[in-house]
């Protein structure tokens, strides 16, 4: 599982649609290529290879005791617009950088 973290819902949707349009792959085990998770919209978040998500929702998943097996599936995290660390809500980004259990790329 690769997680792509974007700071806003608009960027999450943009990345989701770009990945969906550029790549297509069908899996036999009911897994989707790309999933999306924002505060008010969620699709294929539990059964995808690439999850595009806002920081607050990733924090909820990473801190949830029920999602420990999901968190253990994460192999790589990409933090887009990581300069948001210094903006409002930056403490969520800081916590995610500390909680990330795998290699990550900060853009």
N, C-alpha and C. Protein backbone atom coordinates (compact mmCIF):
# COMPACT_ATOMS: atom_id res chain seq x y z
N UNK A 1 0.84 -1.18 0.00
CA UNK A 1 0.00 0.00 0.00
C UNK A 1 0.89 1.24 0.00
N UNK A 2 0.59 2.16 -0.91
CA UNK A 2 1.25 3.46 -0.97
C UNK A 2 0.20 4.50 -0.57
N UNK A 3 0.57 5.40 0.33
CA UNK A 3 -0.34 6.45 0.77
C UNK A 3 0.18 7.78 0.27
N UNK A 4 -0.69 8.53 -0.41
CA UNK A 4 -0.35 9.87 -0.91
C UNK A 4 -1.16 10.87 -0.09
N UNK A 5 -0.46 11.72 0.65
CA UNK A 5 -1.12 12.69 1.54
C UNK A 5 -1.07 14.06 0.90
N UNK A 6 -2.24 14.65 0.67
CA UNK A 6 -2.34 16.01 0.12
C UNK A 6 -3.09 16.87 1.14
N UNK A 7 -2.72 18.15 1.25
CA UNK A 7 -3.26 18.98 2.34
C UNK A 7 -4.72 19.38 2.21
N UNK A 8 -5.28 19.36 1.01
CA UNK A 8 -6.66 19.81 0.83
C UNK A 8 -7.48 18.78 0.08
N UNK A 9 -8.77 18.87 0.27
CA UNK A 9 -9.70 17.98 -0.43
C UNK A 9 -9.58 18.15 -1.94
N UNK A 10 -9.41 19.39 -2.39
CA UNK A 10 -9.29 19.64 -3.83
C UNK A 10 -8.07 18.93 -4.43
N UNK A 11 -6.95 19.00 -3.74
CA UNK A 11 -5.75 18.31 -4.23
C UNK A 11 -5.90 16.79 -4.16
N UNK A 12 -6.57 16.29 -3.15
CA UNK A 12 -6.82 14.85 -3.05
C UNK A 12 -7.61 14.38 -4.26
N UNK A 13 -8.68 15.09 -4.59
CA UNK A 13 -9.48 14.71 -5.75
C UNK A 13 -8.69 14.82 -7.05
N UNK A 14 -7.88 15.87 -7.18
CA UNK A 14 -7.07 16.04 -8.40
C UNK A 14 -6.12 14.86 -8.57
N UNK A 15 -5.40 14.49 -7.53
CA UNK A 15 -4.46 13.37 -7.61
C UNK A 15 -5.20 12.06 -7.87
N UNK A 16 -6.32 11.87 -7.19
CA UNK A 16 -7.12 10.65 -7.37
C UNK A 16 -7.53 10.49 -8.84
N UNK A 17 -8.06 11.55 -9.43
CA UNK A 17 -8.53 11.46 -10.82
C UNK A 17 -7.37 11.34 -11.80
N UNK A 18 -6.24 11.98 -11.52
CA UNK A 18 -5.08 11.84 -12.41
C UNK A 18 -4.55 10.41 -12.39
N UNK A 19 -4.43 9.82 -11.22
CA UNK A 19 -3.95 8.43 -11.13
C UNK A 19 -4.96 7.49 -11.78
N UNK A 20 -6.25 7.71 -11.52
CA UNK A 20 -7.29 6.86 -12.10
C UNK A 20 -7.29 6.94 -13.62
N UNK A 21 -7.07 8.14 -14.17
CA UNK A 21 -7.08 8.31 -15.62
C UNK A 21 -5.83 7.76 -16.29
N UNK A 22 -4.72 7.85 -15.60
CA UNK A 22 -3.44 7.46 -16.19
C UNK A 22 -3.18 5.95 -16.11
N UNK A 23 -3.64 5.33 -15.05
CA UNK A 23 -3.35 3.92 -14.83
C UNK A 23 -4.65 3.14 -14.68
N UNK A 24 -4.66 1.97 -15.23
CA UNK A 24 -5.82 1.09 -15.01
C UNK A 24 -5.31 -0.33 -14.83
N UNK A 25 -5.76 -0.93 -13.77
CA UNK A 25 -5.36 -2.30 -13.50
C UNK A 25 -6.51 -2.98 -12.79
N UNK A 26 -6.82 -4.17 -13.20
CA UNK A 26 -7.87 -4.95 -12.57
C UNK A 26 -7.25 -6.05 -11.73
N UNK A 27 -7.66 -6.15 -10.50
CA UNK A 27 -7.18 -7.18 -9.60
C UNK A 27 -8.27 -8.22 -9.42
N UNK A 28 -7.88 -9.46 -9.27
CA UNK A 28 -8.86 -10.53 -9.11
C UNK A 28 -9.41 -10.61 -7.69
N UNK A 29 -8.71 -10.12 -6.73
CA UNK A 29 -9.13 -10.26 -5.33
C UNK A 29 -9.92 -9.06 -4.81
N UNK A 30 -10.67 -8.38 -5.69
CA UNK A 30 -11.53 -7.26 -5.31
C UNK A 30 -10.75 -6.06 -4.78
N UNK A 31 -9.49 -5.93 -5.17
CA UNK A 31 -8.68 -4.79 -4.79
C UNK A 31 -8.71 -3.77 -5.92
N UNK A 32 -8.78 -2.51 -5.55
CA UNK A 32 -8.77 -1.41 -6.53
C UNK A 32 -7.37 -0.83 -6.60
N UNK A 33 -7.06 -0.18 -7.71
CA UNK A 33 -5.75 0.46 -7.84
C UNK A 33 -5.65 1.67 -6.93
N UNK A 34 -6.65 2.53 -6.97
CA UNK A 34 -6.57 3.78 -6.22
C UNK A 34 -7.84 3.99 -5.40
N UNK A 35 -7.64 4.48 -4.16
CA UNK A 35 -8.75 4.81 -3.27
C UNK A 35 -8.61 6.24 -2.80
N UNK A 36 -9.67 6.74 -2.21
CA UNK A 36 -9.69 8.14 -1.78
C UNK A 36 -10.34 8.22 -0.40
N UNK A 37 -9.85 9.15 0.42
CA UNK A 37 -10.40 9.31 1.77
C UNK A 37 -10.25 10.78 2.18
N UNK A 38 -11.39 11.47 2.27
CA UNK A 38 -11.42 12.83 2.82
C UNK A 38 -12.42 12.81 3.98
N UNK A 39 -12.61 13.95 4.60
CA UNK A 39 -13.53 13.99 5.74
C UNK A 39 -14.96 13.63 5.36
N UNK A 40 -15.36 13.96 4.13
CA UNK A 40 -16.75 13.71 3.75
C UNK A 40 -16.92 12.77 2.56
N UNK A 41 -15.84 12.18 2.07
CA UNK A 41 -15.96 11.23 0.96
C UNK A 41 -14.91 10.14 1.11
N UNK A 42 -15.36 8.91 0.87
CA UNK A 42 -14.47 7.77 1.04
C UNK A 42 -14.86 6.71 0.02
N UNK A 43 -13.85 6.22 -0.73
CA UNK A 43 -14.11 5.17 -1.72
C UNK A 43 -12.88 4.28 -1.84
N UNK A 44 -13.07 2.98 -1.69
CA UNK A 44 -12.01 1.96 -1.82
C UNK A 44 -10.84 2.18 -0.85
N UNK A 45 -11.08 2.84 0.26
CA UNK A 45 -9.96 3.16 1.16
C UNK A 45 -9.38 1.92 1.85
N UNK A 46 -10.17 0.88 1.99
CA UNK A 46 -9.68 -0.33 2.67
C UNK A 46 -9.11 -1.37 1.73
N UNK A 47 -9.37 -1.25 0.44
CA UNK A 47 -8.94 -2.30 -0.49
C UNK A 47 -8.31 -1.72 -1.76
N UNK A 48 -7.30 -0.87 -1.58
CA UNK A 48 -6.64 -0.26 -2.74
C UNK A 48 -5.12 -0.41 -2.61
N UNK A 49 -4.45 -0.19 -3.72
CA UNK A 49 -2.98 -0.21 -3.74
C UNK A 49 -2.38 1.16 -3.47
N UNK A 50 -3.10 2.23 -3.87
CA UNK A 50 -2.67 3.61 -3.64
C UNK A 50 -3.84 4.34 -3.00
N UNK A 51 -3.62 4.91 -1.82
CA UNK A 51 -4.67 5.66 -1.15
C UNK A 51 -4.28 7.13 -1.13
N UNK A 52 -5.18 7.98 -1.66
CA UNK A 52 -4.98 9.43 -1.65
C UNK A 52 -5.86 9.97 -0.53
N UNK A 53 -5.26 10.74 0.38
CA UNK A 53 -5.93 11.06 1.64
C UNK A 53 -5.50 12.43 2.16
N UNK A 54 -6.36 13.04 2.97
CA UNK A 54 -5.99 14.28 3.66
C UNK A 54 -5.32 13.90 4.98
N UNK A 55 -4.45 14.77 5.50
CA UNK A 55 -3.68 14.43 6.72
C UNK A 55 -4.54 14.06 7.92
N UNK A 56 -5.63 14.77 8.14
CA UNK A 56 -6.45 14.50 9.31
C UNK A 56 -7.03 13.09 9.28
N UNK A 57 -7.42 12.62 8.12
CA UNK A 57 -7.98 11.27 8.01
C UNK A 57 -6.90 10.21 8.17
N UNK A 58 -5.72 10.46 7.66
CA UNK A 58 -4.63 9.51 7.86
C UNK A 58 -4.27 9.42 9.34
N UNK A 59 -4.29 10.54 10.02
CA UNK A 59 -4.00 10.53 11.45
C UNK A 59 -5.02 9.66 12.19
N UNK A 60 -6.28 9.79 11.84
CA UNK A 60 -7.33 8.98 12.47
C UNK A 60 -7.07 7.50 12.24
N UNK A 61 -6.74 7.14 11.00
CA UNK A 61 -6.47 5.73 10.68
C UNK A 61 -5.24 5.21 11.43
N UNK A 62 -4.19 6.01 11.48
CA UNK A 62 -2.95 5.55 12.10
C UNK A 62 -3.07 5.41 13.62
N UNK A 63 -3.95 6.18 14.22
CA UNK A 63 -4.12 6.12 15.68
C UNK A 63 -5.22 5.16 16.11
N UNK A 64 -5.97 4.63 15.17
CA UNK A 64 -7.08 3.76 15.49
C UNK A 64 -6.62 2.34 15.82
N UNK A 65 -6.98 1.82 16.98
CA UNK A 65 -6.60 0.44 17.33
C UNK A 65 -7.20 -0.59 16.37
N UNK A 66 -8.35 -0.28 15.78
CA UNK A 66 -8.99 -1.20 14.84
C UNK A 66 -8.27 -1.26 13.49
N UNK A 67 -7.41 -0.32 13.21
CA UNK A 67 -6.76 -0.24 11.90
C UNK A 67 -5.29 -0.65 11.93
N UNK A 68 -4.85 -1.33 12.97
CA UNK A 68 -3.43 -1.70 13.06
C UNK A 68 -2.99 -2.61 11.92
N UNK A 69 -3.86 -3.53 11.48
CA UNK A 69 -3.48 -4.39 10.36
C UNK A 69 -3.40 -3.59 9.06
N UNK A 70 -4.28 -2.59 8.91
CA UNK A 70 -4.23 -1.73 7.73
C UNK A 70 -2.93 -0.92 7.74
N UNK A 71 -2.58 -0.36 8.87
CA UNK A 71 -1.34 0.44 8.99
C UNK A 71 -0.13 -0.43 8.69
N UNK A 72 -0.15 -1.67 9.08
CA UNK A 72 1.00 -2.56 8.82
C UNK A 72 1.17 -2.86 7.33
N UNK A 73 0.13 -2.62 6.52
CA UNK A 73 0.23 -2.83 5.07
C UNK A 73 0.91 -1.66 4.35
N UNK A 74 1.05 -0.52 5.01
CA UNK A 74 1.65 0.66 4.37
C UNK A 74 3.12 0.40 4.10
N UNK A 75 3.53 0.58 2.85
CA UNK A 75 4.92 0.37 2.46
C UNK A 75 5.65 1.67 2.16
N UNK A 76 4.90 2.71 1.80
CA UNK A 76 5.53 3.98 1.43
C UNK A 76 4.50 5.09 1.59
N UNK A 77 4.93 6.26 2.06
CA UNK A 77 4.04 7.41 2.19
C UNK A 77 4.66 8.59 1.45
N UNK A 78 3.84 9.27 0.67
CA UNK A 78 4.27 10.48 -0.05
C UNK A 78 3.50 11.65 0.55
N UNK A 79 4.23 12.60 1.12
CA UNK A 79 3.62 13.81 1.68
C UNK A 79 3.77 14.93 0.67
N UNK A 80 2.66 15.35 0.06
CA UNK A 80 2.68 16.43 -0.92
C UNK A 80 2.44 17.76 -0.19
N UNK A 81 3.10 18.80 -0.66
CA UNK A 81 2.94 20.14 -0.07
C UNK A 81 3.30 20.13 1.42
N UNK A 82 4.44 19.50 1.74
CA UNK A 82 4.82 19.35 3.14
C UNK A 82 5.14 20.70 3.81
N UNK A 83 5.26 21.76 3.02
CA UNK A 83 5.46 23.09 3.61
C UNK A 83 4.23 23.50 4.43
N UNK A 84 3.12 22.76 4.29
CA UNK A 84 1.94 23.01 5.12
C UNK A 84 2.24 22.72 6.59
N UNK A 85 3.37 22.14 6.86
CA UNK A 85 3.82 21.87 8.22
C UNK A 85 3.82 23.14 9.06
N UNK A 86 4.15 24.26 8.43
CA UNK A 86 4.21 25.53 9.15
C UNK A 86 2.90 26.30 9.15
N UNK A 87 1.87 25.77 8.52
CA UNK A 87 0.59 26.46 8.43
C UNK A 87 -0.36 25.96 9.52
N UNK A 88 -1.58 26.48 9.48
CA UNK A 88 -2.60 26.01 10.42
C UNK A 88 -2.83 24.51 10.20
N UNK A 89 -2.86 23.76 11.26
CA UNK A 89 -3.01 22.31 11.17
C UNK A 89 -1.69 21.59 10.99
N UNK A 90 -0.59 22.32 11.08
CA UNK A 90 0.74 21.74 10.89
C UNK A 90 1.09 20.67 11.91
N UNK A 91 0.46 20.73 13.08
CA UNK A 91 0.74 19.72 14.10
C UNK A 91 0.31 18.33 13.65
N UNK A 92 -0.70 18.26 12.79
CA UNK A 92 -1.11 16.96 12.24
C UNK A 92 -0.01 16.40 11.35
N UNK A 93 0.58 17.26 10.53
CA UNK A 93 1.68 16.83 9.65
C UNK A 93 2.85 16.33 10.50
N UNK A 94 3.17 17.07 11.57
CA UNK A 94 4.27 16.66 12.45
C UNK A 94 4.02 15.28 13.04
N UNK A 95 2.80 15.08 13.52
CA UNK A 95 2.45 13.78 14.11
C UNK A 95 2.55 12.67 13.07
N UNK A 96 2.09 12.93 11.86
CA UNK A 96 2.16 11.91 10.81
C UNK A 96 3.60 11.55 10.47
N UNK A 97 4.48 12.54 10.42
CA UNK A 97 5.89 12.26 10.14
C UNK A 97 6.49 11.38 11.23
N UNK A 98 6.06 11.58 12.47
CA UNK A 98 6.56 10.77 13.58
C UNK A 98 5.93 9.37 13.59
N UNK A 99 4.68 9.26 13.18
CA UNK A 99 3.97 7.97 13.23
C UNK A 99 4.25 7.07 12.03
N UNK A 100 4.74 7.64 10.95
CA UNK A 100 4.89 6.86 9.72
C UNK A 100 5.86 5.69 9.94
N UNK A 101 5.34 4.46 9.73
CA UNK A 101 6.12 3.25 10.04
C UNK A 101 6.96 2.73 8.88
N UNK A 102 7.18 3.56 7.87
CA UNK A 102 7.86 3.09 6.66
C UNK A 102 8.61 4.26 6.02
N UNK A 103 9.33 4.00 4.94
CA UNK A 103 9.98 5.13 4.24
C UNK A 103 8.95 6.12 3.72
N UNK A 104 9.34 7.41 3.67
CA UNK A 104 8.43 8.41 3.13
C UNK A 104 9.20 9.42 2.29
N UNK A 105 8.43 10.09 1.43
CA UNK A 105 8.97 11.16 0.58
C UNK A 105 8.20 12.41 0.89
N UNK A 106 8.88 13.48 1.23
CA UNK A 106 8.24 14.76 1.53
C UNK A 106 8.51 15.73 0.39
N UNK A 107 7.44 16.13 -0.28
CA UNK A 107 7.56 17.04 -1.43
C UNK A 107 7.24 18.47 -1.02
